[in-house]
Amino acid sequence: MAHLIGCDDCQTSLYQFLDVRDFLGYESHPCFHVAYYSADTPERWLKIDGFGLYLINTENGDGIVIGFCPWCGVVLPTAIRPPLGLN
């Protein structure tokens, strides 16, 4: 409890979760952080491409594939999978 009270990151994550829990399908993502930051929210800066890879948005609209969540370090998929619906 002391950690939760003193940790700004944990508090921010909790507030983010409470803000989007009704419309964000976070269960289909490796962790809540990548679900939240790839959702259609004002703070969005991750995107998911058609192959299921997580990318950091760049100025030109492309993205850089990342292999770990920048917040909690969970491993993210980096192998290209067929686009959804083409299995």
Protein backbone atom coordinates (compact mmCIF):
# COMPACT_ATOMS: atom_id res chain seq x y z
CA MET A 1 0.00 0.00 0.00
CA ALA A 2 2.87 2.37 0.78
CA HIS A 3 4.29 1.77 -2.70
CA LEU A 4 0.95 2.51 -4.40
CA ILE A 5 0.55 5.73 -2.42
CA GLY A 6 4.08 6.92 -3.20
CA CYS A 7 4.48 5.70 -6.78
CA ASP A 8 3.32 8.18 -9.43
CA ASP A 9 3.56 5.56 -12.20
CA CYS A 10 1.26 3.12 -10.40
CA GLN A 11 -1.22 5.88 -9.64
CA THR A 12 -1.19 7.06 -13.25
CA SER A 13 -1.74 3.51 -14.52
CA LEU A 14 -4.65 3.03 -12.14
CA TYR A 15 -6.30 6.30 -13.23
CA GLN A 16 -5.75 5.38 -16.89
CA PHE A 17 -7.32 1.98 -16.33
CA LEU A 18 -10.36 3.47 -14.58
CA ASP A 19 -10.75 6.02 -17.37
CA VAL A 20 -10.89 3.47 -20.24
CA ARG A 21 -11.97 0.17 -18.68
CA ASP A 22 -15.43 0.33 -20.26
CA PHE A 23 -14.27 0.58 -23.88
CA LEU A 24 -10.70 -0.72 -23.99
CA GLY A 25 -10.27 -4.43 -24.71
CA TYR A 26 -7.03 -4.68 -22.73
CA GLU A 27 -7.33 -8.47 -22.30
CA SER A 28 -6.19 -9.02 -25.91
CA HIS A 29 -2.87 -7.20 -25.34
CA PRO A 30 0.31 -8.38 -23.55
CA CYS A 31 -0.18 -5.76 -20.81
CA PHE A 32 -2.43 -2.87 -19.90
CA HIS A 33 0.18 -0.23 -20.77
CA VAL A 34 0.46 -1.16 -24.46
CA ALA A 35 -3.32 -1.58 -24.65
CA TYR A 36 -3.86 1.92 -23.25
CA TYR A 37 -1.20 3.69 -25.31
CA SER A 38 -2.25 1.99 -28.55
CA ALA A 39 -5.97 2.72 -28.00
CA ASP A 40 -7.75 5.66 -29.53
CA THR A 41 -6.91 8.06 -26.69
CA PRO A 42 -5.34 11.55 -26.61
CA GLU A 43 -2.06 10.14 -25.20
CA ARG A 44 -1.75 7.51 -27.93
CA TRP A 45 1.79 7.05 -29.15
CA LEU A 46 1.91 3.33 -29.92
CA LYS A 47 0.21 1.68 -32.83
CA ILE A 48 -0.39 -1.91 -33.87
CA ASP A 49 0.28 -2.75 -37.48
CA GLY A 50 -1.62 -5.32 -39.57
CA PHE A 51 0.84 -8.02 -38.52
CA GLY A 52 0.25 -7.66 -34.76
CA LEU A 53 3.47 -5.76 -34.03
CA TYR A 54 3.62 -2.82 -31.64
CA LEU A 55 5.25 0.28 -33.09
CA ILE A 56 6.26 3.64 -31.67
CA ASN A 57 4.74 6.38 -33.82
CA THR A 58 7.20 8.51 -35.75
CA GLU A 59 6.80 11.97 -37.24
CA ASN A 60 6.42 10.67 -40.80
CA GLY A 61 3.67 8.21 -39.85
CA ASP A 62 5.84 5.11 -39.97
CA GLY A 63 6.69 3.24 -36.80
CA ILE A 64 9.58 1.56 -35.04
CA VAL A 65 8.86 -2.00 -33.88
CA ILE A 66 9.46 -2.48 -30.16
CA GLY A 67 10.02 -5.80 -28.43
CA PHE A 68 9.30 -4.80 -24.83
CA CYS A 69 6.72 -2.63 -23.08
CA PRO A 70 8.43 0.67 -22.20
CA TRP A 71 6.57 0.77 -18.86
CA CYS A 72 6.66 -2.75 -17.43
CA GLY A 73 9.09 -4.62 -19.71
CA VAL A 74 6.75 -7.43 -20.78
CA VAL A 75 7.88 -9.09 -24.02
CA LEU A 76 5.93 -7.94 -27.09
CA PRO A 77 5.53 -9.93 -30.32
CA THR A 78 8.21 -9.21 -32.90
CA ALA A 79 7.53 -12.02 -35.38
CA ILE A 80 5.29 -11.08 -38.28
CA ARG A 81 1.93 -12.85 -38.20
CA PRO A 82 -0.60 -12.95 -41.05
CA PRO A 83 -3.02 -10.00 -41.01
CA LEU A 84 -6.25 -10.62 -39.13
CA GLY A 85 -8.78 -12.52 -41.21
CA LEU A 86 -6.17 -14.15 -43.47
CA ASN A 87 -5.48 -17.26 -41.39
